[in-house]
């Protein structure tokens, strides 16, 4: 895209969803899937934005202090992301168009690695330049500020921070979930292949139900242990639910079926369960209680999916082109929203005395900070992530480098 063409597209803001929407290799784009991504990233971002407001009012506040303990946590959004990953990755396998393993892994690398590496290096540089003062609040218990800086950087670059140190990445804590995603990507072709060995719809339903329940119980029992928290073993259930629902969708094609009123009712119930199931995150539950909350969130995700796929209102909401645009940029938003929230909130809220005024602080973060953060994330998406969505970008880049080298050589001979 030429500079002039890019500027023209930027000025034509009404058509941004068409100009800057997700680039996909699929034969048929389903905007409602990006709408589901919007819901997931919205809950994660709003939670972390509220957390910035809480800390602006009280820097030593813990996430489970007072009223904030009952605010909807971003955990349901993360599980929705895991569900979508299982759904999207399984679909070509289940429809008889499985990619070759080499192509599958290469696509993951070329699509996800450049934005991730740029983000990790950016956060590391900001941390070092600020003398270690830019980063998570000392109140966060799942981040160890005593870890060696270089060791934390290297572990993050190789998606091993949680497995090696049993804590979240030092420079950008939410990146721990991407380490779980990578673990799933490594095993996904084999998990899906084993699932497909079960023949017949009834058999697959039974197998999927058994695996989901087993993984849910494992998470309820083991997730409180830090070492297990950063492994796929305690986060497998939403991925498996995504695989099972993808299997159903491959046979029933729900997005092509006529809309149904029951699906909109399912969506309404699912959204209520989605929020309520994330409000008990910090409530001290035993293993049985945790299993019940986890099952509630999985049920909510399934109902929301059905509403987006079959509901008249659900299809319209989740298929809205602006919602799909932001949802399509969810990876960039997830990568950058916390460091940008941290920096922008310090700059924008510095002029206000917000001591013991958490409600006002949260409102100011929503009004003053969030718009700047989202714009910054969207700019990163357009400049860095979206070009990587073209599967042949390494070949194009290599060609441009060769052409540029030949032109420089010609100039040198003149």
Protein backbone atom coordinates (compact mmCIF):
# COMPACT_ATOMS: atom_id res chain seq x y z
CA UNK A 1 0.00 0.00 0.00
CA UNK A 2 1.48 3.36 -1.03
CA UNK A 3 1.75 6.27 1.40
CA UNK A 4 -0.83 8.25 -0.57
CA UNK A 5 -3.26 5.31 -0.62
CA UNK A 6 -2.84 4.80 3.12
CA UNK A 7 -3.53 8.48 3.84
CA UNK A 8 -6.65 8.40 1.68
CA UNK A 9 -7.94 5.34 3.54
CA UNK A 10 -7.16 6.99 6.88
CA UNK A 11 -9.17 10.10 5.96
CA UNK A 12 -12.11 7.98 4.81
CA UNK A 13 -12.98 7.02 8.39
CA UNK A 14 -16.45 5.75 7.53
CA UNK A 15 -14.89 2.83 5.69
CA UNK A 16 -12.20 1.96 8.23
CA UNK A 17 -13.83 -1.44 8.94
CA UNK A 18 -13.47 -2.36 5.26
CA UNK A 19 -9.99 -0.85 4.86
CA UNK A 20 -8.43 -2.12 8.07
CA UNK A 21 -10.45 -5.21 8.98
CA UNK A 22 -8.89 -8.55 9.75
CA UNK A 23 -7.05 -10.23 6.87
CA UNK A 24 -8.01 -13.89 6.76
CA UNK A 25 -7.05 -16.83 4.57
CA UNK A 26 -10.44 -18.45 5.13
CA UNK A 27 -12.80 -18.72 2.18
CA UNK A 28 -15.65 -17.16 4.17
CA UNK A 29 -15.20 -14.46 6.77
CA UNK A 30 -17.58 -14.64 9.76
CA UNK A 31 -17.68 -11.19 11.43
CA UNK A 32 -19.51 -12.58 14.48
CA UNK A 33 -16.33 -14.43 15.51
CA UNK A 34 -14.52 -11.10 15.68
CA UNK A 35 -17.56 -9.84 17.59
CA UNK A 36 -16.91 -12.55 20.18
CA UNK A 37 -13.30 -11.41 20.29
CA UNK A 38 -14.58 -7.88 20.99
CA UNK A 39 -16.54 -9.13 24.00
CA UNK A 40 -13.49 -10.97 25.31
CA UNK A 41 -11.08 -8.06 24.92
CA UNK A 42 -13.63 -5.56 26.25
CA UNK A 43 -13.95 -7.41 29.54
CA UNK A 44 -10.18 -7.77 29.91
CA UNK A 45 -9.47 -4.11 29.10
CA UNK A 46 -12.27 -2.73 31.29
CA UNK A 47 -11.07 -4.80 34.22
CA UNK A 48 -7.47 -3.61 33.88
CA UNK A 49 -8.66 -0.02 33.37
CA UNK A 50 -10.66 -0.27 36.60
CA UNK A 51 -7.56 -1.63 38.30
CA UNK A 52 -5.60 1.46 37.21
CA UNK A 53 -8.30 3.63 38.74
CA UNK A 54 -8.25 1.67 41.98
CA UNK A 55 -4.49 2.12 42.25
CA UNK A 56 -4.68 5.81 41.39
CA UNK A 57 -6.83 6.17 44.50
CA UNK A 58 -4.72 3.83 46.62
CA UNK A 59 -1.32 2.67 45.21
CA UNK A 60 -1.12 -0.16 47.75
CA UNK A 61 -4.58 -1.55 47.01
CA UNK A 62 -4.89 -5.22 46.18
CA UNK A 63 -7.34 -6.44 43.52
CA UNK A 64 -9.31 -8.33 46.16
CA UNK A 65 -9.74 -5.31 48.47
CA UNK A 66 -13.20 -3.96 49.24
CA UNK A 67 -15.73 -3.36 46.49
CA UNK A 68 -13.22 -4.07 43.73
CA UNK A 69 -13.20 -7.76 44.64
CA UNK A 70 -16.72 -7.95 43.21
CA UNK A 71 -15.96 -6.18 39.94
CA UNK A 72 -16.16 -8.49 36.88
CA UNK A 73 -12.70 -9.95 36.44
CA UNK A 74 -11.07 -10.37 33.03
CA UNK A 75 -10.79 -14.13 33.55
CA UNK A 76 -14.00 -14.86 31.62
CA UNK A 77 -12.67 -12.84 28.69
CA UNK A 78 -9.45 -14.90 28.72
CA UNK A 79 -11.45 -18.13 28.72
CA UNK A 80 -13.54 -16.83 25.81
CA UNK A 81 -10.29 -16.22 23.92
CA UNK A 82 -9.21 -19.81 24.66
CA UNK A 83 -12.59 -21.07 23.42
CA UNK A 84 -12.24 -19.11 20.16
CA UNK A 85 -8.72 -20.46 19.63
CA UNK A 86 -9.93 -24.04 20.02
CA UNK A 87 -12.87 -23.33 17.71
CA UNK A 88 -10.88 -21.63 14.93
CA UNK A 89 -7.91 -24.01 14.94
CA UNK A 90 -10.08 -27.14 14.96
CA UNK A 91 -12.42 -26.05 12.14
CA UNK A 92 -10.19 -26.89 9.13
CA UNK A 93 -9.25 -30.23 10.67
CA UNK A 94 -12.89 -31.12 11.24
CA UNK A 95 -14.05 -30.07 7.77
CA UNK A 96 -11.55 -32.23 5.91
CA UNK A 97 -9.09 -29.41 5.07
CA UNK A 98 -6.35 -29.93 7.65
CA UNK A 99 -3.17 -27.94 7.03
CA UNK A 100 0.17 -29.67 6.91
CA UNK A 101 1.95 -29.56 10.25
CA UNK A 102 4.81 -27.51 8.82
CA UNK A 103 2.38 -24.97 7.37
CA UNK A 104 0.34 -24.93 10.59
CA UNK A 105 3.31 -24.11 12.82
CA UNK A 106 4.92 -21.73 10.31
CA UNK A 107 1.69 -19.76 10.07
CA UNK A 108 1.51 -19.43 13.85
CA UNK A 109 5.10 -18.12 13.90
CA UNK A 110 4.76 -15.63 11.04
CA UNK A 111 1.37 -14.40 12.26
CA UNK A 112 1.96 -14.06 15.98
CA UNK A 113 5.67 -13.69 16.62
CA UNK A 114 6.48 -10.24 15.13
CA UNK A 115 3.86 -8.29 17.14
CA UNK A 116 4.72 -10.28 20.27
CA UNK A 117 8.48 -9.75 20.01
CA UNK A 118 8.05 -6.04 19.27
CA UNK A 119 5.80 -5.68 22.33
CA UNK A 120 8.12 -7.54 24.70
CA UNK A 121 11.14 -5.52 23.55
CA UNK A 122 9.16 -2.28 23.81
CA UNK A 123 8.09 -3.07 27.37
CA UNK A 124 11.63 -4.09 28.29
CA UNK A 125 13.08 -0.87 26.86
CA UNK A 126 10.48 1.26 28.65
CA UNK A 127 11.22 -0.54 31.91
CA UNK A 128 14.98 -0.02 31.60
CA UNK A 129 14.75 3.62 30.45
CA UNK A 130 12.46 4.43 33.36
CA UNK A 131 14.86 2.86 35.82
CA UNK A 132 12.46 0.07 36.69
CA UNK A 133 9.67 2.47 37.65
CA UNK A 134 7.37 1.53 34.76
CA UNK A 135 5.57 -1.70 35.36
CA UNK A 136 2.99 -3.37 37.55
CA UNK A 137 2.10 -2.16 40.98
CA UNK A 138 4.09 -3.77 43.82
CA UNK A 139 0.68 -4.85 45.12
CA UNK A 140 0.44 -7.55 42.45
CA UNK A 141 1.37 -10.81 44.13
CA UNK A 142 1.78 -12.86 40.95
CA UNK A 143 4.71 -10.73 39.71
CA UNK A 144 8.20 -11.08 41.23
CA UNK A 145 10.11 -7.77 41.06
CA UNK A 146 13.27 -9.47 42.30
CA UNK A 147 13.74 -11.57 39.16
CA UNK A 148 16.79 -10.76 37.03
CA UNK A 149 15.80 -8.39 34.26
CA UNK A 150 17.55 -10.23 31.43
CA UNK A 151 16.30 -13.61 32.64
CA UNK A 152 12.73 -12.31 32.70
CA UNK A 153 13.17 -10.88 29.19
CA UNK A 154 14.54 -14.12 27.70
CA UNK A 155 11.89 -16.24 29.38
CA UNK A 156 9.17 -13.94 28.03
CA UNK A 157 10.56 -14.01 24.49
CA UNK A 158 10.38 -17.81 24.50
CA UNK A 159 6.97 -18.03 26.24
CA UNK A 160 8.53 -19.76 29.24
CA UNK A 161 8.18 -17.16 31.98
CA UNK A 162 5.35 -18.88 33.82
CA UNK A 163 6.80 -22.36 33.44
CA UNK A 164 10.30 -21.30 34.56
CA UNK A 165 9.55 -18.76 37.29
CA UNK A 166 5.93 -19.65 38.23
CA UNK A 167 4.98 -15.95 38.05
CA UNK A 168 3.62 -13.69 35.33
CA UNK A 169 5.99 -11.82 32.98
CA UNK A 170 7.62 -8.94 34.80
CA UNK A 171 7.25 -6.25 32.13
CA UNK A 172 3.72 -7.08 30.96
CA UNK A 173 1.89 -9.51 33.29
CA UNK A 174 -1.13 -10.39 31.06
CA UNK A 175 1.21 -12.01 28.53
CA UNK A 176 1.08 -15.16 30.67
CA UNK A 177 -2.12 -16.14 28.84
CA UNK A 178 -0.27 -16.08 25.51
CA UNK A 179 2.14 -18.62 26.96
CA UNK A 180 -0.87 -20.88 27.54
CA UNK A 181 -2.03 -20.24 23.96
CA UNK A 182 1.37 -21.29 22.61
CA UNK A 183 1.24 -24.51 24.63
CA UNK A 184 -2.14 -25.27 23.04
CA UNK A 185 -0.87 -24.48 19.54
CA UNK A 186 1.98 -26.94 20.01
CA UNK A 187 -0.37 -29.77 20.94
CA UNK A 188 -3.53 -28.76 19.04
CA UNK A 189 -3.03 -30.93 15.90
CA UNK A 190 -2.49 -34.00 18.09
CA UNK A 191 -5.37 -33.21 20.48
CA UNK A 192 -7.73 -32.65 17.56
CA UNK A 193 -6.43 -35.73 15.74
CA UNK A 194 -7.05 -37.88 18.82
CA UNK A 195 -10.55 -36.39 19.19
CA UNK A 196 -11.35 -37.26 15.57
CA UNK A 197 -10.61 -40.93 16.24
CA UNK A 198 -14.02 -41.09 17.91
CA UNK A 199 -16.56 -41.93 15.18
CA UNK A 200 -20.18 -40.82 15.27
CA UNK A 201 -21.71 -37.64 16.66
CA UNK A 202 -22.97 -39.27 19.87
CA UNK A 203 -19.57 -40.80 20.60
CA UNK A 204 -17.80 -37.50 20.05
CA UNK A 205 -20.25 -35.69 22.34
CA UNK A 206 -19.57 -38.22 25.07
CA UNK A 207 -15.80 -38.01 24.57
CA UNK A 208 -15.84 -34.19 24.54
CA UNK A 209 -18.03 -34.02 27.66
CA UNK A 210 -15.76 -36.43 29.51
CA UNK A 211 -12.60 -34.54 28.56
CA UNK A 212 -14.08 -31.15 29.41
CA UNK A 213 -15.31 -32.31 32.83
CA UNK A 214 -11.96 -33.95 33.57
CA UNK A 215 -9.99 -30.84 32.62
CA UNK A 216 -12.41 -28.64 34.57
CA UNK A 217 -11.87 -30.73 37.70
CA UNK A 218 -8.11 -30.59 37.17
CA UNK A 219 -8.24 -26.81 36.95
CA UNK A 220 -10.40 -26.50 40.06
CA UNK A 221 -7.96 -28.64 42.06
CA UNK A 222 -4.59 -27.54 40.65
CA UNK A 223 -4.97 -23.96 39.44
CA UNK A 224 -4.40 -22.37 42.88
CA UNK A 225 -0.87 -23.84 42.78
CA UNK A 226 1.30 -21.27 40.96
CA UNK A 227 3.37 -23.83 39.06
CA UNK A 228 0.23 -25.44 37.62
CA UNK A 229 -1.47 -22.11 36.94
CA UNK A 230 0.94 -21.42 34.06
CA UNK A 231 0.45 -24.74 32.33
CA UNK A 232 -2.08 -25.86 29.76
CA UNK A 233 -3.16 -28.64 32.13
CA UNK A 234 -5.23 -26.18 34.19
CA UNK A 235 -6.69 -24.21 31.27
CA UNK A 236 -7.62 -26.90 28.78
CA UNK A 237 -11.40 -26.96 29.27
CA UNK A 238 -12.29 -23.81 27.22
CA UNK A 239 -10.02 -24.97 24.38
CA UNK A 240 -11.73 -28.37 24.39
CA UNK A 241 -15.15 -26.72 24.46
CA UNK A 242 -14.10 -24.73 21.40
CA UNK A 243 -13.07 -27.93 19.60
CA UNK A 244 -16.36 -29.65 20.45
CA UNK A 245 -18.50 -26.67 19.38
CA UNK A 246 -16.43 -26.38 16.19
CA UNK A 247 -17.23 -30.02 15.44
CA UNK A 248 -20.93 -29.28 15.86
CA UNK A 249 -20.66 -26.12 13.73
CA UNK A 250 -18.87 -28.01 10.93
CA UNK A 251 -21.89 -30.29 10.65
CA UNK A 252 -24.74 -27.85 11.37
CA UNK A 253 -23.41 -24.56 9.86
CA UNK A 254 -25.20 -22.36 12.45
CA UNK A 255 -24.20 -19.03 10.89
CA UNK A 256 -26.01 -20.03 7.69
CA UNK A 257 -29.17 -21.29 9.42
CA UNK A 258 -32.26 -19.06 9.85
CA UNK A 259 -32.18 -16.88 13.00
CA UNK A 260 -34.07 -18.16 16.02
CA UNK A 261 -35.63 -16.34 18.99
CA UNK A 262 -34.41 -18.94 21.45
CA UNK A 263 -30.84 -18.02 20.49
CA UNK A 264 -31.32 -14.40 21.55
CA UNK A 265 -32.74 -15.63 24.86
CA UNK A 266 -29.67 -17.87 25.20
CA UNK A 267 -27.46 -14.85 24.55
CA UNK A 268 -29.13 -12.81 27.29
CA UNK A 269 -28.72 -15.64 29.81
CA UNK A 270 -25.15 -16.24 28.66
CA UNK A 271 -24.16 -12.60 29.14
CA UNK A 272 -25.58 -12.58 32.68
CA UNK A 273 -23.71 -15.77 33.55
CA UNK A 274 -20.57 -14.42 31.85
CA UNK A 275 -20.50 -11.37 34.11
CA UNK A 276 -21.66 -13.06 37.30
CA UNK A 277 -19.23 -15.96 36.80
CA UNK A 278 -16.34 -13.50 36.66
CA UNK A 279 -17.42 -11.59 39.77
CA UNK A 280 -16.48 -14.43 42.11
CA UNK A 281 -12.83 -14.59 41.03
CA UNK A 282 -11.41 -13.37 44.35
CA UNK A 283 -14.00 -15.02 46.57
CA UNK A 284 -12.33 -17.79 48.53
CA UNK A 285 -13.95 -20.98 47.24
CA UNK A 286 -13.06 -24.60 47.81
CA UNK A 287 -12.35 -26.93 44.88
CA UNK A 288 -16.04 -27.77 44.44
CA UNK A 289 -17.01 -24.10 44.41
CA UNK A 290 -14.27 -23.28 41.89
CA UNK A 291 -15.48 -26.12 39.66
CA UNK A 292 -19.02 -24.71 39.81
CA UNK A 293 -17.86 -21.21 38.83
CA UNK A 294 -15.70 -22.60 36.01
CA UNK A 295 -18.61 -24.66 34.69
CA UNK A 296 -20.83 -21.56 34.84
CA UNK A 297 -18.39 -19.59 32.70
CA UNK A 298 -18.12 -22.42 30.16
CA UNK A 299 -21.91 -22.61 29.94
CA UNK A 300 -22.01 -18.83 29.50
CA UNK A 301 -19.50 -18.97 26.65
CA UNK A 302 -21.48 -21.68 24.87
CA UNK A 303 -24.74 -19.72 25.21
CA UNK A 304 -23.11 -16.52 23.97
CA UNK A 305 -21.71 -18.36 20.96
CA UNK A 306 -25.17 -19.74 20.13
CA UNK A 307 -26.63 -16.26 20.42
CA UNK A 308 -24.01 -14.80 18.09
CA UNK A 309 -24.47 -17.65 15.60
CA UNK A 310 -28.26 -18.10 15.55
CA UNK A 311 -29.84 -15.09 17.21
CA UNK A 312 -31.29 -12.27 15.14
CA UNK A 313 -30.13 -9.64 17.61
CA UNK A 314 -26.95 -11.56 18.41
CA UNK A 315 -25.91 -11.77 14.77
CA UNK A 316 -26.54 -8.06 14.33
CA UNK A 317 -24.63 -7.02 17.45
CA UNK A 318 -21.64 -9.30 17.08
CA UNK A 319 -21.54 -8.81 13.31
CA UNK A 320 -21.49 -5.00 13.51
CA UNK A 321 -18.58 -3.88 11.34
CA UNK A 322 -17.12 -1.51 13.95
CA UNK A 323 -17.31 -4.13 16.68
CA UNK A 324 -15.74 -6.65 14.30
CA UNK A 325 -12.96 -4.17 13.48
CA UNK A 326 -11.99 -3.75 17.14
CA UNK A 327 -12.43 -7.47 17.79
CA UNK A 328 -10.18 -8.26 14.84
CA UNK A 329 -7.48 -6.12 16.46
CA UNK A 330 -7.83 -7.88 19.83
CA UNK A 331 -4.32 -9.38 19.72
CA UNK A 332 -2.69 -5.95 19.46
CA UNK A 333 -5.00 -4.55 22.12
CA UNK A 334 -4.21 -7.44 24.44
CA UNK A 335 -0.48 -7.07 23.89
CA UNK A 336 -0.28 -3.35 24.59
CA UNK A 337 -3.24 -2.25 26.69
CA UNK A 338 -1.66 -2.77 30.13
CA UNK A 339 1.66 -0.96 29.51
CA UNK A 340 -0.20 1.87 27.77
CA UNK A 341 -2.74 2.07 30.60
CA UNK A 342 0.12 2.26 33.07
CA UNK A 343 1.93 5.07 31.26
CA UNK A 344 -1.05 7.10 30.03
CA UNK A 345 -2.86 6.96 33.38
CA UNK A 346 0.22 8.34 35.16
CA UNK A 347 0.41 11.22 32.70
CA UNK A 348 -3.31 12.01 32.46
CA UNK A 349 -4.24 11.55 36.11
CA UNK A 350 -1.22 13.27 37.61
CA UNK A 351 -3.03 16.59 37.93
CA UNK A 352 -5.86 15.15 40.03
CA UNK A 353 -5.96 14.40 43.74
CA UNK A 354 -7.68 11.02 43.71
CA UNK A 355 -6.72 9.76 47.17
CA UNK A 356 -9.47 7.54 48.55
CA UNK A 357 -11.71 8.44 45.59
CA UNK A 358 -11.66 5.19 43.65
CA UNK A 359 -15.00 5.73 41.92
CA UNK A 360 -13.89 9.06 40.46
CA UNK A 361 -10.51 7.61 39.52
CA UNK A 362 -12.08 4.72 37.61
CA UNK A 363 -14.42 7.13 35.78
CA UNK A 364 -11.49 9.35 34.77
CA UNK A 365 -9.56 6.35 33.49
CA UNK A 366 -12.54 5.36 31.34
CA UNK A 367 -13.06 8.88 29.98
CA UNK A 368 -9.51 10.25 29.66
CA UNK A 369 -7.17 7.29 29.46
CA UNK A 370 -8.98 4.49 27.65
CA UNK A 371 -9.60 6.36 24.35
CA UNK A 372 -5.87 7.15 24.03
CA UNK A 373 -4.94 3.57 24.89
CA UNK A 374 -7.32 2.08 22.33
CA UNK A 375 -6.11 4.47 19.62
CA UNK A 376 -2.51 3.53 20.37
CA UNK A 377 -3.34 -0.18 20.21
CA UNK A 378 -5.22 0.26 16.93
CA UNK A 379 -2.27 2.13 15.43
CA UNK A 380 -0.02 -0.78 16.42
CA UNK A 381 -2.50 -3.17 14.84
CA UNK A 382 -2.50 -1.32 11.52
CA UNK A 383 1.27 -0.79 11.44
CA UNK A 384 2.58 -4.07 12.85
CA UNK A 385 0.02 -6.82 13.30
CA UNK A 386 -2.20 -6.46 10.24
CA UNK A 387 0.65 -6.78 7.69
CA UNK A 388 1.57 -10.08 9.38
CA UNK A 389 -1.93 -11.41 8.67
CA UNK A 390 -0.91 -11.86 5.03
CA UNK A 391 0.50 -15.35 5.00
CA UNK A 392 3.10 -14.57 2.34
CA UNK A 393 4.56 -11.48 4.02
CA UNK A 394 7.99 -13.14 4.60
CA UNK A 395 8.27 -13.85 0.87
CA UNK A 396 7.20 -10.32 -0.02
CA UNK A 397 9.65 -8.83 2.46
CA UNK A 398 12.51 -10.98 1.14
CA UNK A 399 11.62 -9.90 -2.42
CA UNK A 400 11.61 -6.22 -1.44
CA UNK A 401 14.97 -6.60 0.29
CA UNK A 402 16.46 -8.26 -2.79
CA UNK A 403 15.10 -5.55 -5.07
CA UNK A 404 16.38 -2.84 -2.76
CA UNK A 405 19.82 -4.45 -2.63
CA UNK A 406 20.01 -4.63 -6.43
CA UNK A 407 19.00 -0.97 -6.72
CA UNK A 408 21.65 0.06 -4.21
CA UNK A 409 24.26 -1.91 -6.13
CA UNK A 410 23.24 -0.20 -9.37
CA UNK A 411 23.48 3.20 -7.68
CA UNK A 412 26.92 2.23 -6.43
CA UNK A 413 28.16 1.47 -9.96
CA UNK A 414 26.98 4.80 -11.33
